[in-house]
Amino acid sequence: MSFASRIASNEITFSWFASVYSSFLVLLANLIGRRSVLVLGGVDVAAERELGYGIWNTWWKSKIVRYGITHANAVIAVDDFLKREAIRLARYDGANISVVPTGYEDNYWIPSGIKQNVVLMVASCPDVMRVKIKGVDFFIAVAKKMPDVRFQLIGIDPLVSSQLSPPGNLDCLPFADRETLLASYQRAKVYCQLSYREGLPNALCEAMLCECIPVGTTVGGIPTAIANTGFLVEYPDEVQTIHAIRDALTSPPERAKLARTRISSHFSIEKREAALKRIISELLK
């Protein structure tokens, strides 16, 4: 069965990330009278030229992606920040965009045991460019100025970590499976999301469900997740971040419980499922 015939045999196409491939899927769906849904994730509405991050940095890809975003029947952004970026880059009114946050398993990401004075950050960094985007270099700089505190960084490729010169109080670990992440979240008292650019970060929300007190930069969807349950800092203000981490480490357990409640009540899988069903039902009418 050909690609086009597969589209024709279904009512709706559903693509995660706006890309050249998904934009052609939107085009084919339009040509044969089918509906299309496009989910924005982050890099697909980025144009950080200095870092070479974002599909919009390539002129011909940007034109194709613009078509996909502006011609999909429904575009879903996981945070309002991504919606605003899509409107800005694609230069249109964004009438087809709905904000539907990702959902998290509050029956899996649960607290357990006594918290340790560990400051954790999780970031998938296979290369140096991701180190900058995720704020790993910022995290390392802060750790160097807090030698009395234990830091842990998960998700760094060993070849990349060897280039970063982490201090002795920072443990750099490679990519971890869900079980290892769960145990790490459950152990750490503070979770840092010090990104330079971000959508709605999964690791931050998972950590908050495990009652880590969050410290995050005021970028993207980080403030949406944290709200008033943790500490927000400006990127890359090291002094402000050091104070925030120390405040988080001395915060009472009640603050950690607020972090869990924030995610379980506002970012549940059930809420996301209901929103997706509503959007799809409206397209099928």
Protein backbone atom coordinates (compact mmCIF):
# COMPACT_ATOMS: atom_id res chain seq x y z
CA MET A 1 0.00 0.00 0.00
CA SER A 2 1.43 3.40 -1.01
CA PHE A 3 1.88 6.31 1.37
CA ALA A 4 -0.90 8.32 -0.32
CA SER A 5 -3.31 5.38 -0.23
CA ARG A 6 -2.65 4.94 3.48
CA ILE A 7 -3.61 8.57 4.04
CA ALA A 8 -6.72 8.11 1.90
CA SER A 9 -7.81 5.09 3.96
CA ASN A 10 -7.87 7.19 7.15
CA GLU A 11 -9.72 10.33 8.18
CA ILE A 12 -6.91 12.17 9.99
CA THR A 13 -3.11 12.31 9.91
CA PHE A 14 -1.31 13.02 13.20
CA SER A 15 2.30 14.22 13.23
CA TRP A 16 4.54 15.06 16.16
CA PHE A 17 6.94 17.93 15.31
CA ALA A 18 6.65 20.31 12.39
CA SER A 19 9.24 19.17 9.85
CA VAL A 20 9.77 18.79 6.13
CA TYR A 21 8.28 15.29 6.30
CA SER A 22 5.22 16.21 8.33
CA SER A 23 4.58 19.25 6.14
CA PHE A 24 4.45 17.02 3.06
CA LEU A 25 2.01 14.83 4.98
CA VAL A 26 -0.18 17.90 5.55
CA LEU A 27 0.04 18.71 1.83
CA LEU A 28 -0.98 15.20 0.79
CA ALA A 29 -3.84 15.18 3.30
CA ASN A 30 -5.12 18.48 1.89
CA LEU A 31 -4.87 17.23 -1.70
CA ILE A 32 -6.96 14.13 -1.05
CA GLY A 33 -9.45 15.74 1.31
CA ARG A 34 -8.24 14.44 4.65
CA ARG A 35 -7.73 16.30 7.91
CA SER A 36 -4.34 16.86 9.55
CA VAL A 37 -3.03 17.45 13.08
CA LEU A 38 0.47 18.77 13.75
CA VAL A 39 2.06 18.84 17.22
CA LEU A 40 4.77 21.42 17.99
CA GLY A 41 7.58 20.31 20.26
CA GLY A 42 10.30 22.98 20.40
CA VAL A 43 13.04 22.81 17.76
CA ASP A 44 10.34 23.14 15.08
CA VAL A 45 9.60 26.71 16.19
CA ALA A 46 13.17 27.76 16.96
CA ALA A 47 15.64 29.95 15.04
CA GLU A 48 18.66 30.35 17.32
CA ARG A 49 21.18 31.26 14.63
CA GLU A 50 24.17 31.70 16.93
CA LEU A 51 23.78 28.12 18.18
CA GLY A 52 22.60 26.62 14.92
CA TYR A 53 19.45 25.42 16.69
CA GLY A 54 16.07 25.29 14.96
CA ILE A 55 14.69 24.18 11.62
CA TRP A 56 13.89 27.81 10.75
CA ASN A 57 17.60 28.54 10.32
CA THR A 58 17.50 26.77 6.93
CA TRP A 59 15.68 28.97 4.40
CA TRP A 60 14.13 26.22 2.28
CA LYS A 61 13.09 24.12 5.28
CA SER A 62 11.51 27.18 6.88
CA LYS A 63 9.27 27.69 3.83
CA ILE A 64 8.10 24.07 3.88
CA VAL A 65 7.53 24.06 7.64
CA ARG A 66 5.62 27.32 7.38
CA TYR A 67 3.26 25.64 4.92
CA GLY A 68 2.71 22.71 7.31
CA ILE A 69 1.95 24.93 10.29
CA THR A 70 -0.32 27.34 8.43
CA HIS A 71 -2.20 24.66 6.46
CA ALA A 72 -2.69 21.91 9.04
CA ASN A 73 -6.29 21.73 10.20
CA ALA A 74 -5.18 21.68 13.82
CA VAL A 75 -1.83 22.57 15.37
CA ILE A 76 -1.18 21.59 18.98
CA ALA A 77 1.41 23.38 21.11
CA VAL A 78 2.43 21.97 24.49
CA ASP A 79 2.86 25.49 25.88
CA ASP A 80 1.67 28.99 25.00
CA PHE A 81 5.30 30.00 24.40
CA LEU A 82 5.48 27.62 21.43
CA LYS A 83 2.20 28.99 20.07
CA ARG A 84 3.58 32.53 20.18
CA GLU A 85 6.80 31.43 18.47
CA ALA A 86 4.87 29.64 15.70
CA ILE A 87 2.78 32.77 15.07
CA ARG A 88 5.91 34.93 14.99
CA LEU A 89 7.96 32.72 12.68
CA ALA A 90 5.16 31.66 10.35
CA ARG A 91 3.78 35.22 10.26
CA TYR A 92 0.08 34.38 10.57
CA ASP A 93 -2.74 34.69 13.11
CA GLY A 94 -2.39 31.20 14.62
CA ALA A 95 -6.13 30.55 14.48
CA ASN A 96 -5.57 26.79 14.04
CA ILE A 97 -3.31 26.46 17.13
CA SER A 98 -4.54 25.01 20.43
CA VAL A 99 -2.42 24.81 23.58
CA VAL A 100 -2.59 21.30 25.04
CA PRO A 101 0.09 20.52 27.63
CA THR A 102 1.69 17.12 27.79
CA GLY A 103 0.39 14.76 30.49
CA TYR A 104 2.33 12.89 33.17
CA GLU A 105 1.82 9.63 35.07
CA ASP A 106 1.33 10.65 38.67
CA ASN A 107 0.90 6.99 39.63
CA TYR A 108 4.42 6.19 38.39
CA TRP A 109 6.39 9.33 39.23
CA ILE A 110 5.85 9.19 42.98
CA PRO A 111 7.97 10.25 45.97
CA SER A 112 9.55 7.58 48.13
CA GLY A 113 11.97 7.59 51.03
CA ILE A 114 13.91 10.40 52.65
CA LYS A 115 15.20 13.20 50.46
CA GLN A 116 18.93 13.90 50.28
CA ASN A 117 20.54 17.31 49.81
CA VAL A 118 21.17 16.58 46.14
CA VAL A 119 20.59 19.05 43.31
CA LEU A 120 19.61 17.13 40.18
CA MET A 121 19.38 18.04 36.51
CA VAL A 122 18.38 15.73 33.64
CA ALA A 123 19.20 16.72 30.07
CA SER A 124 19.69 14.60 26.98
CA CYS A 125 22.93 16.04 25.56
CA PRO A 126 24.57 14.04 22.76
CA ASP A 127 26.52 17.10 21.60
CA VAL A 128 27.85 20.48 22.76
CA MET A 129 25.01 22.44 21.12
CA ARG A 130 22.46 20.69 23.34
CA VAL A 131 24.64 21.51 26.35
CA LYS A 132 24.02 25.20 25.68
CA ILE A 133 20.32 24.86 24.84
CA LYS A 134 19.62 22.86 28.01
CA GLY A 135 21.72 25.16 30.19
CA VAL A 136 24.11 22.42 31.23
CA ASP A 137 27.07 24.82 31.06
CA PHE A 138 25.12 27.19 33.35
CA PHE A 139 24.40 24.31 35.76
CA ILE A 140 28.09 23.35 35.86
CA ALA A 141 29.13 26.96 36.51
CA VAL A 142 26.73 27.14 39.46
CA ALA A 143 27.96 23.80 40.83
CA LYS A 144 31.55 25.06 40.76
CA LYS A 145 30.56 27.96 43.03
CA MET A 146 28.75 25.70 45.53
CA PRO A 147 31.44 23.16 46.47
CA ASP A 148 29.63 22.23 49.69
CA VAL A 149 26.57 20.95 47.78
CA ARG A 150 26.27 17.68 45.88
CA PHE A 151 25.08 18.02 42.27
CA GLN A 152 24.07 15.32 39.81
CA LEU A 153 23.68 15.57 36.03
CA ILE A 154 22.02 12.76 34.04
CA GLY A 155 21.90 12.35 30.27
CA ILE A 156 25.32 13.58 29.17
CA ASP A 157 27.23 11.63 26.55
CA PRO A 158 30.60 10.59 28.07
CA LEU A 159 32.50 12.21 25.20
CA VAL A 160 30.65 15.48 25.84
CA SER A 161 31.12 15.39 29.62
CA SER A 162 34.87 14.99 29.14
CA GLN A 163 34.88 18.41 27.45
CA LEU A 164 32.97 20.19 30.23
CA SER A 165 35.42 19.94 33.16
CA PRO A 166 32.78 19.26 35.85
CA PRO A 167 33.81 20.00 39.45
CA GLY A 168 34.34 17.27 42.03
CA ASN A 169 30.94 17.86 43.66
CA LEU A 170 29.11 17.12 40.37
CA ASP A 171 28.43 13.57 39.21
CA CYS A 172 27.93 13.34 35.43
CA LEU A 173 25.99 10.26 34.35
CA PRO A 174 24.94 9.07 30.86
CA PHE A 175 21.39 8.52 29.62
CA ALA A 176 19.30 6.58 32.15
CA ASP A 177 16.20 4.38 31.89
CA ARG A 178 12.90 5.22 33.61
CA GLU A 179 13.65 3.16 36.70
CA THR A 180 16.97 4.90 37.25
CA LEU A 181 15.40 8.31 36.68
CA LEU A 182 12.62 7.53 39.15
CA ALA A 183 15.14 6.59 41.85
CA SER A 184 17.16 9.75 41.12
CA TYR A 185 14.08 12.00 41.34
CA GLN A 186 13.03 10.31 44.58
CA ARG A 187 16.47 10.90 46.13
CA ALA A 188 17.07 14.53 45.10
CA LYS A 189 15.59 17.37 47.13
CA VAL A 190 16.06 19.99 44.40
CA TYR A 191 15.60 19.75 40.65
CA CYS A 192 17.11 22.37 38.31
CA GLN A 193 15.90 23.25 34.81
CA LEU A 194 18.32 25.98 33.76
CA SER A 195 17.57 25.92 30.04
CA TYR A 196 18.49 28.61 27.54
CA ARG A 197 15.45 27.59 25.49
CA GLU A 198 12.66 25.19 26.40
CA GLY A 199 9.15 24.00 25.65
CA LEU A 200 7.36 22.24 28.50
CA PRO A 201 10.16 20.05 29.93
CA ASN A 202 9.20 16.45 30.75
CA ALA A 203 12.02 15.90 33.24
CA LEU A 204 11.02 18.95 35.27
CA CYS A 205 7.42 17.78 35.54
CA GLU A 206 8.44 14.21 36.42
CA ALA A 207 10.79 15.50 39.12
CA MET A 208 8.09 17.73 40.60
CA LEU A 209 5.75 14.73 40.79
CA CYS A 210 8.48 13.03 42.83
CA GLU A 211 8.41 16.05 45.19
CA CYS A 212 11.63 17.68 44.05
CA ILE A 213 11.58 21.43 44.73
CA PRO A 214 12.08 23.08 41.32
CA VAL A 215 14.50 25.83 40.36
CA GLY A 216 14.14 26.95 36.76
CA THR A 217 14.87 29.73 34.32
CA THR A 218 12.12 32.06 33.13
CA VAL A 219 12.10 30.69 29.59
CA GLY A 220 9.54 28.79 27.54
CA GLY A 221 7.16 26.62 29.49
CA ILE A 222 9.31 26.37 32.63
CA PRO A 223 7.36 29.10 34.52
CA THR A 224 4.12 27.40 33.39
CA ALA A 225 5.16 24.19 35.12
CA ILE A 226 6.70 25.70 38.27
CA ALA A 227 4.29 28.61 38.91
CA ASN A 228 4.59 29.51 42.62
CA THR A 229 5.78 26.09 43.83
CA GLY A 230 9.52 26.69 43.40
CA PHE A 231 12.03 29.30 42.36
CA LEU A 232 12.42 31.09 39.01
CA VAL A 233 15.72 32.69 37.97
CA GLU A 234 16.97 34.67 35.03
CA TYR A 235 19.32 33.00 32.56
CA PRO A 236 22.32 33.05 33.15
CA ASP A 237 22.34 34.82 36.54
CA GLU A 238 24.63 32.63 38.66
CA VAL A 239 24.26 34.65 41.88
CA GLN A 240 20.46 34.58 41.75
CA THR A 241 20.50 30.85 40.98
CA ILE A 242 22.85 30.05 43.86
CA HIS A 243 20.53 31.86 46.27
CA ALA A 244 17.51 30.05 44.80
CA ILE A 245 19.15 26.62 45.18
CA ARG A 246 20.11 27.33 48.79
CA ASP A 247 16.56 28.49 49.52
CA ALA A 248 15.20 25.33 47.89
CA LEU A 249 17.52 23.10 49.91
CA THR A 250 16.24 24.64 53.14
CA SER A 251 12.57 24.68 52.15
CA PRO A 252 10.08 22.66 54.22
CA PRO A 253 8.51 19.42 52.88
CA GLU A 254 5.22 21.24 52.31
CA ARG A 255 6.77 23.10 49.39
CA ALA A 256 7.73 19.82 47.74
CA LYS A 257 4.17 18.58 48.11
CA LEU A 258 2.92 21.73 46.38
CA ALA A 259 5.18 20.92 43.43
CA ARG A 260 3.65 17.46 43.08
CA THR A 261 0.11 18.81 43.39
CA ARG A 262 0.83 21.42 40.71
CA ILE A 263 1.72 18.81 38.09
CA SER A 264 -0.86 16.18 39.02
CA SER A 265 -3.70 18.72 38.95
CA HIS A 266 -2.72 20.77 35.89
CA PHE A 267 -0.82 18.31 33.68
CA SER A 268 -2.57 14.98 33.97
CA ILE A 269 -2.77 12.44 31.15
CA GLU A 270 -6.55 12.51 31.51
CA LYS A 271 -6.70 16.24 30.75
CA ARG A 272 -4.50 15.85 27.68
CA GLU A 273 -6.53 12.88 26.45
CA ALA A 274 -9.80 14.80 26.82
CA ALA A 275 -8.39 17.80 24.93
CA LEU A 276 -7.07 15.63 22.08
CA LYS A 277 -10.39 13.82 21.79
CA ARG A 278 -12.21 17.15 21.60
CA ILE A 279 -9.93 18.45 18.82
CA ILE A 280 -10.17 15.24 16.80
CA SER A 281 -13.95 15.06 17.24
CA GLU A 282 -14.31 18.60 15.92
CA LEU A 283 -12.20 17.73 12.85
CA LEU A 284 -14.38 14.69 12.13
CA LYS A 285 -17.63 16.66 12.13
